[in-house]
Each structure stands twice: as structure tokens, then as C-alpha cells.
Protein backbone atom coordinates (compact mmCIF):
# COMPACT_ATOMS: atom_id res chain seq x y z
CA MET A 1 25.98 12.12 29.18
CA LEU A 2 29.50 13.40 28.91
CA LEU A 3 28.03 16.26 26.56
CA PHE A 4 26.82 17.31 30.50
CA ARG A 5 29.92 16.64 31.67
CA LEU A 6 27.99 13.65 34.49
CA PRO A 7 30.24 11.25 36.54
CA PHE A 8 31.21 7.84 35.42
CA ALA A 9 29.84 9.04 32.19
CA LEU A 10 31.25 6.17 29.86
CA THR A 11 30.48 3.50 33.44
CA ILE A 12 27.13 4.50 33.63
CA GLY A 13 26.24 4.45 29.88
CA THR A 14 27.93 1.37 29.18
CA PHE A 15 25.74 -0.52 32.51
CA ILE A 16 22.74 1.25 30.73
CA GLY A 17 23.61 -0.08 27.21
CA PHE A 18 23.50 -3.76 28.98
CA THR A 19 21.14 -3.11 31.17
CA ALA A 20 18.39 -2.10 28.40
CA LEU A 21 18.97 -5.39 26.78
CA ILE A 22 16.38 -6.57 29.37
CA PRO A 23 12.93 -5.33 27.95
CA LEU A 24 11.02 -2.86 29.91
CA PHE A 25 12.46 -2.02 32.43
CA GLY A 26 16.26 -3.45 32.03
CA ALA A 27 16.88 1.13 31.07
CA TRP A 28 15.05 1.18 33.58
CA ALA A 29 17.30 -0.29 36.40
CA GLY A 30 20.53 0.84 34.88
CA ALA A 31 19.14 4.44 34.97
CA ALA A 32 18.34 3.06 38.50
CA VAL A 33 21.81 2.36 39.91
CA GLY A 34 22.86 5.44 37.81
CA PHE A 35 21.08 8.01 39.61
CA LEU A 36 22.91 6.45 42.30
CA LEU A 37 26.22 6.44 41.78
CA ILE A 38 25.65 10.15 40.31
CA ALA A 39 23.87 10.51 43.10
CA SER A 40 26.98 10.39 45.13
CA GLN A 41 28.96 13.32 43.31
CA ASP A 42 26.29 15.78 42.93
CA PHE A 43 22.72 15.88 43.74
CA SER A 44 21.80 17.87 40.59
CA GLN A 45 23.31 16.58 38.73
CA ALA A 46 21.86 13.34 39.66
CA VAL A 47 17.96 14.91 39.31
CA PHE A 48 19.16 16.40 35.89
CA PHE A 49 20.71 12.61 35.31
CA ILE A 50 17.04 11.52 35.48
CA ILE A 51 14.76 13.98 33.39
CA TYR A 52 18.43 12.62 30.37
CA ILE A 53 17.13 9.50 30.75
CA ILE A 54 13.70 10.17 31.32
CA ILE A 55 13.43 12.44 27.60
CA LEU A 56 15.63 9.82 26.23
CA GLN A 57 13.75 6.96 26.90
CA GLN A 58 10.93 8.38 25.99
CA LEU A 59 12.40 9.37 22.11
CA GLU A 60 13.51 5.67 21.80
CA SER A 61 9.93 4.67 22.56
CA ASN A 62 7.83 6.71 20.78
CA LEU A 63 10.17 7.30 18.16
CA ILE A 64 13.03 5.31 17.32
CA TYR A 65 11.79 1.48 17.85
CA PRO A 66 8.68 1.41 16.03
CA ARG A 67 10.41 3.09 12.79
CA VAL A 68 13.54 0.69 13.52
CA VAL A 69 10.79 -2.12 14.04
CA GLY A 70 8.11 -1.47 11.82
CA ASN A 71 10.74 -1.10 8.72
CA SER A 72 12.10 -4.51 9.55
CA ILE A 73 8.82 -6.03 10.19
CA GLY A 74 6.71 -4.62 7.20
CA ILE A 75 4.03 -2.56 8.76
CA PRO A 76 4.07 1.36 9.94
CA GLY A 77 5.67 2.85 12.67
CA ILE A 78 2.67 3.69 13.91
CA TRP A 79 0.98 0.68 14.05
CA VAL A 80 4.25 -0.96 15.92
CA LEU A 81 2.91 1.50 18.61
CA VAL A 82 -0.20 0.47 18.30
CA ALA A 83 0.47 -2.98 18.30
CA ILE A 84 2.42 -2.08 21.62
CA THR A 85 -0.13 -0.21 23.04
CA ILE A 86 -3.42 -2.97 22.46
CA GLY A 87 -0.84 -5.82 23.20
CA ALA A 88 -0.15 -3.97 26.71
CA GLY A 89 -3.31 -3.07 27.50
CA VAL A 90 -4.58 -7.46 26.60
CA GLY A 91 -2.24 -8.83 28.23
CA GLY A 92 0.33 -6.88 29.78
CA ILE A 93 4.32 -7.81 29.32
CA ALA A 94 3.14 -10.98 27.03
CA GLY A 95 0.75 -8.99 24.42
CA MET A 96 3.31 -6.41 24.90
CA LEU A 97 5.81 -9.36 23.48
CA LEU A 98 3.54 -10.80 21.23
CA GLY A 99 1.27 -7.66 19.99
CA VAL A 100 3.90 -6.96 16.84
CA PRO A 101 4.02 -9.89 15.24
CA VAL A 102 0.66 -11.12 15.82
CA PHE A 103 -0.68 -7.92 14.57
CA ALA A 104 1.92 -7.78 11.59
CA THR A 105 0.65 -11.39 10.78
CA VAL A 106 -2.54 -9.98 10.40
CA TYR A 107 -1.81 -6.76 8.35
CA GLN A 108 -0.25 -9.34 6.28
CA VAL A 109 -2.94 -11.31 5.34
CA ILE A 110 -5.73 -8.45 5.48
CA GLY A 111 -3.07 -7.54 2.46
CA ILE A 112 -3.37 -10.15 0.25
CA LEU A 113 -7.24 -10.88 0.95
CA THR A 114 -7.06 -6.56 -0.01
CA LYS A 115 -5.10 -7.95 -3.39
CA LYS A 116 -6.95 -11.07 -4.36
CA ARG A 117 -10.40 -8.60 -4.27
CA LEU A 118 -8.98 -6.23 -6.73
CA GLN A 119 -8.00 -9.17 -8.80
CA MET A 120 -11.74 -10.74 -8.81
CA LYS A 121 -12.51 -7.12 -9.42
CA GLN A 122 -10.44 -6.53 -11.87
CA LEU A 123 -10.53 -9.68 -13.86
CA ALA A 124 -15.01 -9.38 -14.04
CA THR A 125 -14.78 -5.92 -14.68
CA GLU A 126 -12.98 -6.93 -18.43
CA GLU A 127 -15.84 -9.54 -19.26
């Protein structure tokens, strides 16, 4: 925001950083307050700010978040995105929150069962 010379950049950035801790709508609530603050100075910059926030949120939600969460729980990032999407479709907000842990558990169980099956198959071929 400082690079684009938007008014109240540090204040709005800090505020959005805090509100982003609220799952799902926190960053958007912070962006709404930022929009109002910037619109009080220059409406065209406020519209640019909303476009900037939309792009930033899309990058975070679709690229950064799945990779970070996927690496920390041991599943590929694309599966994190799939788990969140399916979880949201099945159970709304609760589904989004539970989708990744449930999927990670299923992913690990399938991995363990596959390894055991391959080991048994290998033992059977050796005999």
C-alpha cells in the first residue's frame, strides 16, 4: 500500500493484519474500514484499494495458504484447497474448518494401508 501511495497505508495495513486473524471474513471487514478511510480522501484510490485487496486475497487464498498449510500437515497444497472447497460445500464454515484435518487424517490412513499392502505383496512374491 505504501508503494501505491495510498492514504493511511500503515494504519489500514495494521488493522487488516489484526482483523485477518478472524477466519473467513476478517480481512474483508478490515478492507471495508480501509475503503471508508481511503474514500474520505479520494474515492478513485478507494476503488483501486478494493481491487488491490481482491487480488491480494486471491493470491493468499489460492497460492500461499494451501502451500503453507499443506507443508505443515504433510499433504500437498492442491489437496488442502480441495479439502477446504469440499468442506465448505458440505458443511459451510464448520466444514471449512474441519475439512483439512479430516482430509489429512484420511490421507495418512490411506498412505499407511497402501504401504502395508505393498509390503505384503512384496513378501508374497519373495516366497
